[in-house]
């Protein structure tokens, strides 16, 4: 695929996000819901610090109905939309992995800081795993981390975590450089 013609699943993902955002901008709950699957999951940033996970189309519909009713003059503005294949499940599983990890460490400060940064982290994670071959490598790295944790080897877990972060940073930097270069062209 050329950089100007995304793969079909990326184009569908991007189109779905656009439909959802357009419906939100118009405060149209029914149109908003038409963009979502019946088994959708919506992660709200409210209430702080961790937000709320809303599961299923009816629960998400109720959330949006309350939101639009409570804030009738609110306006949504899209800053940027990105799509990279169908990576939502990988991003969600990575988020779940870190949530379990932070809950297990017993340090609420670390967990709260991570929750606060998670939107930006999720964006960068999606950029990273959208790079060719990165999703598979990331999964293998997360398995190494998990194996070291389950095996009771903190030194191996630390080494695997550092390697995972380094590889993710390299991949994300490549994606950002490509985005900047294509924007400048």
N, C-alpha and C. Protein backbone atom coordinates (compact mmCIF):
# COMPACT_ATOMS: atom_id res chain seq x y z
N UNK A 1 0.84 -1.19 0.00
CA UNK A 1 0.00 0.00 0.00
C UNK A 1 0.88 1.25 0.00
N UNK A 2 0.46 2.22 -0.73
CA UNK A 2 1.20 3.48 -0.72
C UNK A 2 0.81 4.27 0.53
N UNK A 3 1.67 5.21 0.98
CA UNK A 3 1.37 5.98 2.18
C UNK A 3 0.07 6.78 2.05
N UNK A 4 -0.33 7.13 0.80
CA UNK A 4 -1.54 7.92 0.63
C UNK A 4 -2.80 7.06 0.56
N UNK A 5 -2.63 5.76 0.38
CA UNK A 5 -3.78 4.86 0.31
C UNK A 5 -3.66 3.83 1.44
N UNK A 6 -4.36 4.06 2.56
CA UNK A 6 -4.26 3.12 3.67
C UNK A 6 -4.90 1.78 3.32
N UNK A 7 -4.47 0.75 4.02
CA UNK A 7 -5.07 -0.55 3.83
C UNK A 7 -6.57 -0.45 4.14
N UNK A 8 -7.40 -1.32 3.55
CA UNK A 8 -8.87 -1.21 3.73
C UNK A 8 -9.32 -1.19 5.20
N UNK A 9 -8.73 -2.02 6.06
CA UNK A 9 -9.20 -2.05 7.45
C UNK A 9 -8.85 -0.75 8.17
N UNK A 10 -7.71 -0.14 7.82
CA UNK A 10 -7.36 1.15 8.40
C UNK A 10 -8.35 2.21 7.95
N UNK A 11 -8.69 2.20 6.67
CA UNK A 11 -9.66 3.18 6.15
C UNK A 11 -11.01 3.00 6.84
N UNK A 12 -11.46 1.76 7.07
CA UNK A 12 -12.74 1.51 7.77
C UNK A 12 -12.65 1.99 9.21
N UNK A 13 -11.53 1.73 9.88
CA UNK A 13 -11.37 2.17 11.26
C UNK A 13 -11.43 3.69 11.33
N UNK A 14 -10.73 4.36 10.44
CA UNK A 14 -10.71 5.82 10.40
C UNK A 14 -12.11 6.36 10.12
N UNK A 15 -12.80 5.76 9.17
CA UNK A 15 -14.16 6.19 8.81
C UNK A 15 -15.11 6.04 10.00
N UNK A 16 -14.99 4.94 10.72
CA UNK A 16 -15.85 4.72 11.89
C UNK A 16 -15.62 5.79 12.95
N UNK A 17 -14.36 6.12 13.20
CA UNK A 17 -14.06 7.16 14.19
C UNK A 17 -14.62 8.50 13.72
N UNK A 18 -14.51 8.80 12.43
CA UNK A 18 -15.06 10.05 11.90
C UNK A 18 -16.58 10.10 12.08
N UNK A 19 -17.27 9.00 11.78
CA UNK A 19 -18.74 8.95 11.96
C UNK A 19 -19.10 9.19 13.42
N UNK A 20 -18.38 8.54 14.32
CA UNK A 20 -18.64 8.69 15.75
C UNK A 20 -18.42 10.15 16.17
N UNK A 21 -17.29 10.72 15.77
CA UNK A 21 -16.99 12.11 16.14
C UNK A 21 -18.01 13.09 15.57
N UNK A 22 -18.39 12.90 14.30
CA UNK A 22 -19.39 13.79 13.68
C UNK A 22 -20.71 13.73 14.43
N UNK A 23 -21.12 12.53 14.84
CA UNK A 23 -22.36 12.38 15.60
C UNK A 23 -22.25 13.07 16.96
N UNK A 24 -21.10 12.96 17.60
CA UNK A 24 -20.89 13.64 18.89
C UNK A 24 -20.97 15.15 18.72
N UNK A 25 -20.36 15.65 17.66
CA UNK A 25 -20.38 17.09 17.41
C UNK A 25 -21.82 17.58 17.25
N UNK A 26 -22.67 16.77 16.63
CA UNK A 26 -24.08 17.15 16.43
C UNK A 26 -24.97 16.79 17.62
N UNK A 27 -24.41 16.21 18.68
CA UNK A 27 -25.17 15.77 19.85
C UNK A 27 -26.28 14.78 19.49
N UNK A 28 -26.01 13.89 18.56
CA UNK A 28 -26.99 12.92 18.11
C UNK A 28 -26.66 11.55 18.68
N UNK A 29 -27.37 11.19 19.73
CA UNK A 29 -27.09 9.92 20.40
C UNK A 29 -27.30 8.74 19.46
N UNK A 30 -28.40 8.72 18.71
CA UNK A 30 -28.67 7.57 17.83
C UNK A 30 -27.58 7.41 16.78
N UNK A 31 -27.14 8.51 16.20
CA UNK A 31 -26.06 8.42 15.21
C UNK A 31 -24.76 8.00 15.87
N UNK A 32 -24.52 8.48 17.08
CA UNK A 32 -23.33 8.07 17.82
C UNK A 32 -23.35 6.56 18.01
N UNK A 33 -24.49 6.04 18.42
CA UNK A 33 -24.60 4.61 18.70
C UNK A 33 -24.50 3.77 17.44
N UNK A 34 -24.93 4.30 16.29
CA UNK A 34 -24.82 3.56 15.04
C UNK A 34 -23.37 3.28 14.65
N UNK A 35 -22.45 4.06 15.19
CA UNK A 35 -21.03 3.86 14.89
C UNK A 35 -20.40 2.81 15.80
N UNK A 36 -21.15 2.31 16.79
CA UNK A 36 -20.58 1.39 17.77
C UNK A 36 -21.19 0.00 17.67
N UNK A 37 -20.39 -0.99 17.98
CA UNK A 37 -20.86 -2.38 18.02
C UNK A 37 -21.69 -2.61 19.28
N UNK A 38 -22.50 -3.66 19.27
CA UNK A 38 -23.34 -3.95 20.44
C UNK A 38 -22.50 -4.29 21.66
N UNK A 39 -21.30 -4.84 21.46
CA UNK A 39 -20.44 -5.20 22.59
C UNK A 39 -19.33 -4.17 22.82
N UNK A 40 -19.61 -2.91 22.47
CA UNK A 40 -18.61 -1.86 22.59
C UNK A 40 -18.21 -1.63 24.05
N UNK A 41 -17.02 -1.07 24.21
CA UNK A 41 -16.50 -0.69 25.52
C UNK A 41 -16.05 0.76 25.41
N UNK A 42 -16.50 1.60 26.34
CA UNK A 42 -16.14 3.01 26.35
C UNK A 42 -15.45 3.31 27.66
N UNK A 43 -14.24 3.86 27.58
CA UNK A 43 -13.50 4.24 28.77
C UNK A 43 -13.60 5.74 28.96
N UNK A 44 -14.38 6.14 29.95
CA UNK A 44 -14.55 7.55 30.27
C UNK A 44 -13.41 8.02 31.16
N UNK A 45 -13.05 9.27 31.05
CA UNK A 45 -12.00 9.81 31.93
C UNK A 45 -12.57 10.26 33.26
N UNK A 46 -13.87 10.19 33.42
CA UNK A 46 -14.54 10.60 34.66
C UNK A 46 -15.11 9.40 35.36
N UNK A 47 -15.20 9.32 36.62
CA UNK A 47 -14.67 10.27 37.60
C UNK A 47 -13.17 10.04 37.80
N UNK A 48 -12.44 11.10 38.16
CA UNK A 48 -11.01 10.96 38.44
C UNK A 48 -10.80 10.06 39.65
N UNK A 49 -9.70 9.44 39.82
CA UNK A 49 -8.54 9.52 38.95
C UNK A 49 -8.55 8.48 37.85
N UNK A 50 -9.36 7.43 37.96
CA UNK A 50 -9.27 6.30 37.04
C UNK A 50 -10.32 6.27 35.96
N UNK A 51 -11.36 7.09 36.08
CA UNK A 51 -12.43 7.05 35.10
C UNK A 51 -13.34 5.86 35.33
N UNK A 52 -14.15 5.58 34.33
CA UNK A 52 -15.14 4.51 34.44
C UNK A 52 -15.17 3.75 33.12
N UNK A 53 -15.22 2.44 33.19
CA UNK A 53 -15.37 1.60 32.00
C UNK A 53 -16.85 1.29 31.84
N UNK A 54 -17.38 1.62 30.66
CA UNK A 54 -18.79 1.41 30.36
C UNK A 54 -18.87 0.35 29.27
N UNK A 55 -19.60 -0.74 29.56
CA UNK A 55 -19.60 -1.90 28.68
C UNK A 55 -20.99 -2.12 28.09
N UNK A 56 -21.04 -2.31 26.77
CA UNK A 56 -22.29 -2.62 26.08
C UNK A 56 -22.97 -1.39 25.52
N UNK A 57 -23.65 -1.57 24.40
CA UNK A 57 -24.24 -0.45 23.70
C UNK A 57 -25.30 0.29 24.52
N UNK A 58 -26.12 -0.42 25.28
CA UNK A 58 -27.15 0.26 26.08
C UNK A 58 -26.53 1.13 27.16
N UNK A 59 -25.52 0.61 27.84
CA UNK A 59 -24.85 1.39 28.88
C UNK A 59 -24.15 2.61 28.29
N UNK A 60 -23.52 2.43 27.12
CA UNK A 60 -22.85 3.55 26.47
C UNK A 60 -23.88 4.57 25.99
N UNK A 61 -25.02 4.09 25.47
CA UNK A 61 -26.10 5.00 25.06
C UNK A 61 -26.55 5.85 26.25
N UNK A 62 -26.75 5.20 27.38
CA UNK A 62 -27.18 5.92 28.58
C UNK A 62 -26.15 6.98 28.97
N UNK A 63 -24.87 6.63 28.89
CA UNK A 63 -23.81 7.59 29.20
C UNK A 63 -23.93 8.82 28.31
N UNK A 64 -24.05 8.62 26.98
CA UNK A 64 -24.11 9.75 26.05
C UNK A 64 -25.38 10.56 26.22
N UNK A 65 -26.50 9.90 26.49
CA UNK A 65 -27.74 10.64 26.73
C UNK A 65 -27.60 11.56 27.94
N UNK A 66 -27.02 11.03 29.02
CA UNK A 66 -26.79 11.87 30.21
C UNK A 66 -25.81 12.99 29.91
N UNK A 67 -24.75 12.68 29.18
CA UNK A 67 -23.72 13.68 28.85
C UNK A 67 -24.33 14.82 28.03
N UNK A 68 -25.06 14.48 26.96
CA UNK A 68 -25.64 15.52 26.11
C UNK A 68 -26.70 16.32 26.86
N UNK A 69 -27.45 15.66 27.75
CA UNK A 69 -28.48 16.36 28.52
C UNK A 69 -27.84 17.28 29.57
N UNK A 70 -26.79 16.81 30.21
CA UNK A 70 -26.14 17.57 31.27
C UNK A 70 -25.37 18.77 30.73
N UNK A 71 -24.80 18.62 29.55
CA UNK A 71 -23.96 19.68 28.97
C UNK A 71 -24.46 20.04 27.57
N UNK A 72 -25.65 20.62 27.48
CA UNK A 72 -26.23 20.89 26.15
C UNK A 72 -25.43 21.87 25.30
N UNK A 73 -24.66 22.71 25.91
CA UNK A 73 -23.90 23.68 25.12
C UNK A 73 -22.46 23.22 24.87
N UNK A 74 -22.11 22.03 25.36
CA UNK A 74 -20.75 21.53 25.15
C UNK A 74 -20.54 21.24 23.66
N UNK A 75 -19.34 21.45 23.20
CA UNK A 75 -18.99 21.18 21.82
C UNK A 75 -17.76 20.30 21.78
N UNK A 76 -17.79 19.32 20.91
CA UNK A 76 -16.65 18.44 20.71
C UNK A 76 -15.84 18.97 19.55
N UNK A 77 -14.53 18.94 19.70
CA UNK A 77 -13.66 19.36 18.63
C UNK A 77 -12.60 18.29 18.45
N UNK A 78 -12.47 17.79 17.24
CA UNK A 78 -11.50 16.75 16.95
C UNK A 78 -10.14 17.37 16.72
N UNK A 79 -9.17 16.97 17.53
CA UNK A 79 -7.81 17.46 17.36
C UNK A 79 -7.10 16.66 16.28
N UNK A 80 -7.20 15.34 16.38
CA UNK A 80 -6.53 14.48 15.41
C UNK A 80 -7.16 13.10 15.48
N UNK A 81 -7.27 12.46 14.34
CA UNK A 81 -7.76 11.08 14.27
C UNK A 81 -6.63 10.25 13.67
N UNK A 82 -6.38 9.10 14.27
CA UNK A 82 -5.42 8.20 13.67
C UNK A 82 -6.02 6.81 13.65
N UNK A 83 -5.66 6.04 12.66
CA UNK A 83 -6.10 4.66 12.57
C UNK A 83 -4.93 3.85 12.04
N UNK A 84 -4.80 2.67 12.56
CA UNK A 84 -3.71 1.79 12.14
C UNK A 84 -4.23 0.37 12.13
N UNK A 85 -4.84 -0.01 11.04
CA UNK A 85 -5.42 -1.34 10.98
C UNK A 85 -6.54 -1.44 11.99
N UNK A 86 -6.64 -2.58 12.61
CA UNK A 86 -7.65 -2.80 13.64
C UNK A 86 -6.92 -3.14 14.92
N UNK A 87 -6.27 -2.16 15.51
CA UNK A 87 -5.38 -2.38 16.65
C UNK A 87 -6.05 -2.14 17.99
N UNK A 88 -7.34 -1.84 17.99
CA UNK A 88 -8.01 -1.50 19.24
C UNK A 88 -7.88 -2.62 20.28
N UNK A 89 -8.01 -3.86 19.87
CA UNK A 89 -7.93 -4.97 20.82
C UNK A 89 -6.54 -5.08 21.43
N UNK A 90 -5.51 -4.87 20.62
CA UNK A 90 -4.15 -4.93 21.14
C UNK A 90 -3.93 -3.81 22.15
N UNK A 91 -4.38 -2.61 21.82
CA UNK A 91 -4.23 -1.48 22.74
C UNK A 91 -4.99 -1.76 24.04
N UNK A 92 -6.21 -2.29 23.93
CA UNK A 92 -7.00 -2.58 25.13
C UNK A 92 -6.31 -3.62 26.00
N UNK A 93 -5.76 -4.66 25.39
CA UNK A 93 -5.09 -5.70 26.17
C UNK A 93 -3.82 -5.16 26.83
N UNK A 94 -3.11 -4.28 26.14
CA UNK A 94 -1.94 -3.67 26.76
C UNK A 94 -2.36 -2.82 27.95
N UNK A 95 -3.44 -2.05 27.80
CA UNK A 95 -3.94 -1.26 28.93
C UNK A 95 -4.32 -2.16 30.10
N UNK A 96 -5.00 -3.27 29.81
CA UNK A 96 -5.38 -4.22 30.86
C UNK A 96 -4.15 -4.80 31.55
N UNK A 97 -3.13 -5.13 30.76
CA UNK A 97 -1.90 -5.68 31.31
C UNK A 97 -1.30 -4.71 32.33
N UNK A 98 -1.18 -3.44 31.94
CA UNK A 98 -0.58 -2.46 32.84
C UNK A 98 -1.46 -2.20 34.06
N UNK A 99 -2.76 -2.22 33.89
CA UNK A 99 -3.66 -2.02 35.04
C UNK A 99 -3.45 -3.13 36.06
N UNK A 100 -3.38 -4.38 35.59
CA UNK A 100 -3.15 -5.50 36.49
C UNK A 100 -1.77 -5.38 37.14
N UNK A 101 -0.78 -5.00 36.36
CA UNK A 101 0.56 -4.85 36.89
C UNK A 101 0.59 -3.79 38.00
N UNK A 102 -0.02 -2.64 37.75
CA UNK A 102 0.00 -1.57 38.75
C UNK A 102 -0.84 -1.90 39.97
N UNK A 103 -1.95 -2.58 39.77
CA UNK A 103 -2.76 -3.00 40.91
C UNK A 103 -1.97 -3.98 41.77
N UNK A 104 -1.23 -4.87 41.11
CA UNK A 104 -0.45 -5.86 41.83
C UNK A 104 0.72 -5.28 42.60
N UNK A 105 1.24 -4.15 42.14
CA UNK A 105 2.39 -3.57 42.84
C UNK A 105 1.96 -2.92 44.15
N UNK A 106 0.67 -2.65 44.31
CA UNK A 106 0.17 -2.11 45.56
C UNK A 106 0.49 -0.64 45.79
N UNK A 107 0.91 0.05 44.76
CA UNK A 107 1.26 1.47 44.91
C UNK A 107 0.23 2.31 44.15
N UNK A 108 -0.71 2.88 44.90
CA UNK A 108 -1.78 3.65 44.27
C UNK A 108 -1.27 4.92 43.59
N UNK A 109 -0.17 5.46 44.05
CA UNK A 109 0.38 6.67 43.43
C UNK A 109 0.82 6.35 42.00
N UNK A 110 1.54 5.26 41.83
CA UNK A 110 1.99 4.86 40.49
C UNK A 110 0.78 4.59 39.60
N UNK A 111 -0.19 3.88 40.13
CA UNK A 111 -1.39 3.55 39.37
C UNK A 111 -2.14 4.82 38.95
N UNK A 112 -2.25 5.78 39.84
CA UNK A 112 -2.96 7.02 39.55
C UNK A 112 -2.21 7.86 38.52
N UNK A 113 -0.90 7.94 38.65
CA UNK A 113 -0.10 8.68 37.67
C UNK A 113 -0.25 8.04 36.29
N UNK A 114 -0.19 6.72 36.23
CA UNK A 114 -0.36 6.03 34.95
C UNK A 114 -1.74 6.31 34.37
N UNK A 115 -2.78 6.25 35.17
CA UNK A 115 -4.14 6.51 34.68
C UNK A 115 -4.25 7.92 34.11
N UNK A 116 -3.59 8.87 34.74
CA UNK A 116 -3.61 10.25 34.27
C UNK A 116 -2.92 10.40 32.92
N UNK A 117 -1.86 9.66 32.72
CA UNK A 117 -1.10 9.75 31.47
C UNK A 117 -1.60 8.80 30.39
N UNK A 118 -2.57 7.95 30.72
CA UNK A 118 -2.92 6.85 29.84
C UNK A 118 -3.44 7.26 28.46
N UNK A 119 -4.13 8.38 28.34
CA UNK A 119 -4.62 8.79 27.02
C UNK A 119 -3.46 9.03 26.07
N UNK A 120 -2.44 9.74 26.52
CA UNK A 120 -1.27 9.99 25.68
C UNK A 120 -0.51 8.70 25.44
N UNK A 121 -0.38 7.89 26.47
CA UNK A 121 0.32 6.61 26.34
C UNK A 121 -0.40 5.73 25.31
N UNK A 122 -1.73 5.69 25.37
CA UNK A 122 -2.49 4.87 24.44
C UNK A 122 -2.28 5.34 23.00
N UNK A 123 -2.26 6.64 22.79
CA UNK A 123 -2.01 7.19 21.46
C UNK A 123 -0.63 6.75 20.97
N UNK A 124 0.40 6.91 21.80
CA UNK A 124 1.75 6.52 21.41
C UNK A 124 1.87 5.01 21.22
N UNK A 125 1.18 4.25 22.06
CA UNK A 125 1.19 2.78 21.93
C UNK A 125 0.57 2.38 20.59
N UNK A 126 -0.52 3.01 20.21
CA UNK A 126 -1.16 2.70 18.94
C UNK A 126 -0.24 3.04 17.77
N UNK A 127 0.47 4.15 17.86
CA UNK A 127 1.44 4.49 16.82
C UNK A 127 2.52 3.43 16.72
N UNK A 128 3.03 3.00 17.87
CA UNK A 128 4.10 2.02 17.89
C UNK A 128 3.66 0.69 17.28
N UNK A 129 2.54 0.16 17.74
CA UNK A 129 2.14 -1.17 17.27
C UNK A 129 1.59 -1.15 15.85
N UNK A 130 1.36 0.04 15.29
CA UNK A 130 0.94 0.13 13.90
C UNK A 130 2.10 -0.08 12.93
N UNK A 131 3.31 0.00 13.45
CA UNK A 131 4.48 -0.20 12.60
C UNK A 131 4.57 -1.67 12.18
N UNK A 132 4.98 -1.93 10.95
CA UNK A 132 5.03 -3.31 10.47
C UNK A 132 5.80 -4.24 11.41
N UNK A 133 5.15 -5.31 11.83
CA UNK A 133 5.77 -6.33 12.68
C UNK A 133 5.83 -5.98 14.15
N UNK A 134 5.51 -4.75 14.51
CA UNK A 134 5.66 -4.33 15.91
C UNK A 134 4.65 -4.99 16.83
N UNK A 135 3.41 -5.20 16.38
CA UNK A 135 2.40 -5.80 17.25
C UNK A 135 2.85 -7.18 17.73
N UNK A 136 3.38 -7.98 16.82
CA UNK A 136 3.84 -9.32 17.19
C UNK A 136 5.03 -9.26 18.14
N UNK A 137 5.97 -8.34 17.86
CA UNK A 137 7.14 -8.20 18.73
C UNK A 137 6.73 -7.71 20.11
N UNK A 138 5.79 -6.76 20.14
CA UNK A 138 5.32 -6.23 21.42
C UNK A 138 4.66 -7.33 22.25
N UNK A 139 3.85 -8.14 21.60
CA UNK A 139 3.21 -9.25 22.30
C UNK A 139 4.25 -10.20 22.89
N UNK A 140 5.28 -10.52 22.12
CA UNK A 140 6.34 -11.40 22.61
C UNK A 140 7.06 -10.76 23.80
N UNK A 141 7.29 -9.44 23.74
CA UNK A 141 7.95 -8.74 24.85
C UNK A 141 7.08 -8.76 26.10
N UNK A 142 5.78 -8.54 25.94
CA UNK A 142 4.87 -8.57 27.10
C UNK A 142 4.82 -9.98 27.70
N UNK A 143 4.90 -10.98 26.85
CA UNK A 143 4.94 -12.36 27.36
C UNK A 143 6.21 -12.60 28.17
N UNK A 144 7.34 -12.05 27.73
CA UNK A 144 8.59 -12.19 28.48
C UNK A 144 8.47 -11.53 29.85
N UNK A 145 7.88 -10.35 29.87
CA UNK A 145 7.69 -9.64 31.14
C UNK A 145 6.82 -10.47 32.07
N UNK A 146 5.70 -10.94 31.54
CA UNK A 146 4.77 -11.75 32.34
C UNK A 146 5.44 -13.01 32.85
N UNK A 147 6.19 -13.66 31.99
CA UNK A 147 6.88 -14.89 32.39
C UNK A 147 7.86 -14.62 33.53
N UNK A 148 8.59 -13.53 33.43
CA UNK A 148 9.55 -13.19 34.49
C UNK A 148 8.83 -12.87 35.79
N UNK A 149 7.70 -12.16 35.70
CA UNK A 149 6.94 -11.84 36.91
C UNK A 149 6.37 -13.10 37.57
N UNK A 150 5.77 -13.95 36.73
CA UNK A 150 5.19 -15.19 37.26
C UNK A 150 6.29 -16.09 37.82
N UNK A 151 7.45 -16.08 37.18
CA UNK A 151 8.58 -16.89 37.64
C UNK A 151 9.30 -16.32 38.85
N UNK A 152 8.89 -15.16 39.30
CA UNK A 152 9.48 -14.57 40.49
C UNK A 152 10.89 -14.03 40.29
N UNK A 153 11.16 -13.54 39.08
CA UNK A 153 12.50 -13.03 38.79
C UNK A 153 12.44 -11.53 38.50
N UNK A 154 12.56 -10.70 39.53
CA UNK A 154 12.47 -9.26 39.33
C UNK A 154 13.55 -8.72 38.39
N UNK A 155 14.74 -9.26 38.43
CA UNK A 155 15.82 -8.78 37.57
C UNK A 155 15.48 -9.04 36.10
N UNK A 156 14.97 -10.24 35.80
CA UNK A 156 14.57 -10.55 34.43
C UNK A 156 13.38 -9.71 33.99
N UNK A 157 12.44 -9.47 34.91
CA UNK A 157 11.28 -8.63 34.60
C UNK A 157 11.73 -7.20 34.29
N UNK A 158 12.65 -6.69 35.09
CA UNK A 158 13.16 -5.34 34.85
C UNK A 158 13.84 -5.25 33.49
N UNK A 159 14.69 -6.22 33.18
CA UNK A 159 15.38 -6.25 31.90
C UNK A 159 14.38 -6.32 30.74
N UNK A 160 13.37 -7.18 30.88
CA UNK A 160 12.36 -7.32 29.83
C UNK A 160 11.54 -6.04 29.68
N UNK A 161 11.21 -5.37 30.79
CA UNK A 161 10.47 -4.10 30.74
C UNK A 161 11.29 -3.03 30.03
N UNK A 162 12.56 -2.92 30.39
CA UNK A 162 13.41 -1.92 29.76
C UNK A 162 13.55 -2.17 28.27
N UNK A 163 13.71 -3.43 27.88
CA UNK A 163 13.80 -3.77 26.46
C UNK A 163 12.50 -3.42 25.74
N UNK A 164 11.38 -3.74 26.35
CA UNK A 164 10.07 -3.44 25.75
C UNK A 164 9.91 -1.93 25.54
N UNK A 165 10.24 -1.14 26.54
CA UNK A 165 10.10 0.31 26.43
C UNK A 165 11.05 0.87 25.36
N UNK A 166 12.27 0.36 25.32
CA UNK A 166 13.23 0.81 24.29
C UNK A 166 12.71 0.52 22.89
N UNK A 167 12.25 -0.70 22.69
CA UNK A 167 11.74 -1.08 21.36
C UNK A 167 10.49 -0.28 20.99
N UNK A 168 9.62 -0.05 21.95
CA UNK A 168 8.41 0.75 21.70
C UNK A 168 8.80 2.19 21.35
N UNK A 169 9.80 2.73 22.04
CA UNK A 169 10.25 4.10 21.77
C UNK A 169 10.82 4.22 20.36
N UNK A 170 11.61 3.24 19.96
CA UNK A 170 12.18 3.25 18.61
C UNK A 170 11.06 3.23 17.57
N UNK A 171 10.10 2.34 17.76
CA UNK A 171 8.98 2.20 16.84
C UNK A 171 8.13 3.47 16.79
N UNK A 172 7.85 4.05 17.96
CA UNK A 172 7.03 5.26 18.03
C UNK A 172 7.76 6.43 17.38
N UNK A 173 9.06 6.56 17.63
CA UNK A 173 9.83 7.64 17.00
C UNK A 173 9.80 7.52 15.48
N UNK A 174 9.91 6.30 14.98
CA UNK A 174 9.82 6.10 13.51
C UNK A 174 8.46 6.56 13.00
N UNK A 175 7.40 6.18 13.70
CA UNK A 175 6.04 6.57 13.29
C UNK A 175 5.88 8.09 13.31
N UNK A 176 6.36 8.73 14.36
CA UNK A 176 6.25 10.19 14.47
C UNK A 176 7.07 10.88 13.38
N UNK A 177 8.27 10.38 13.09
CA UNK A 177 9.09 10.95 12.02
C UNK A 177 8.38 10.82 10.67
N UNK A 178 7.78 9.67 10.41
CA UNK A 178 7.05 9.47 9.17
C UNK A 178 5.88 10.44 9.09
N UNK A 179 5.17 10.62 10.19
CA UNK A 179 4.01 11.53 10.23
C UNK A 179 4.46 12.97 9.97
N UNK A 180 5.53 13.39 10.60
CA UNK A 180 6.05 14.76 10.43
C UNK A 180 6.52 14.95 9.00
N UNK A 181 7.25 13.96 8.46
CA UNK A 181 7.76 14.08 7.10
C UNK A 181 6.63 14.11 6.08
N UNK A 182 5.60 13.30 6.28
CA UNK A 182 4.48 13.30 5.32
C UNK A 182 3.64 14.58 5.46
N UNK A 183 3.59 15.17 6.64
CA UNK A 183 2.86 16.42 6.83
C UNK A 183 3.60 17.59 6.17
N UNK A 184 4.92 17.51 6.18
CA UNK A 184 5.73 18.58 5.62
C UNK A 184 5.75 18.53 4.10
N UNK A 185 5.45 17.37 3.54
CA UNK A 185 5.52 17.20 2.07
C UNK A 185 4.36 17.85 1.36
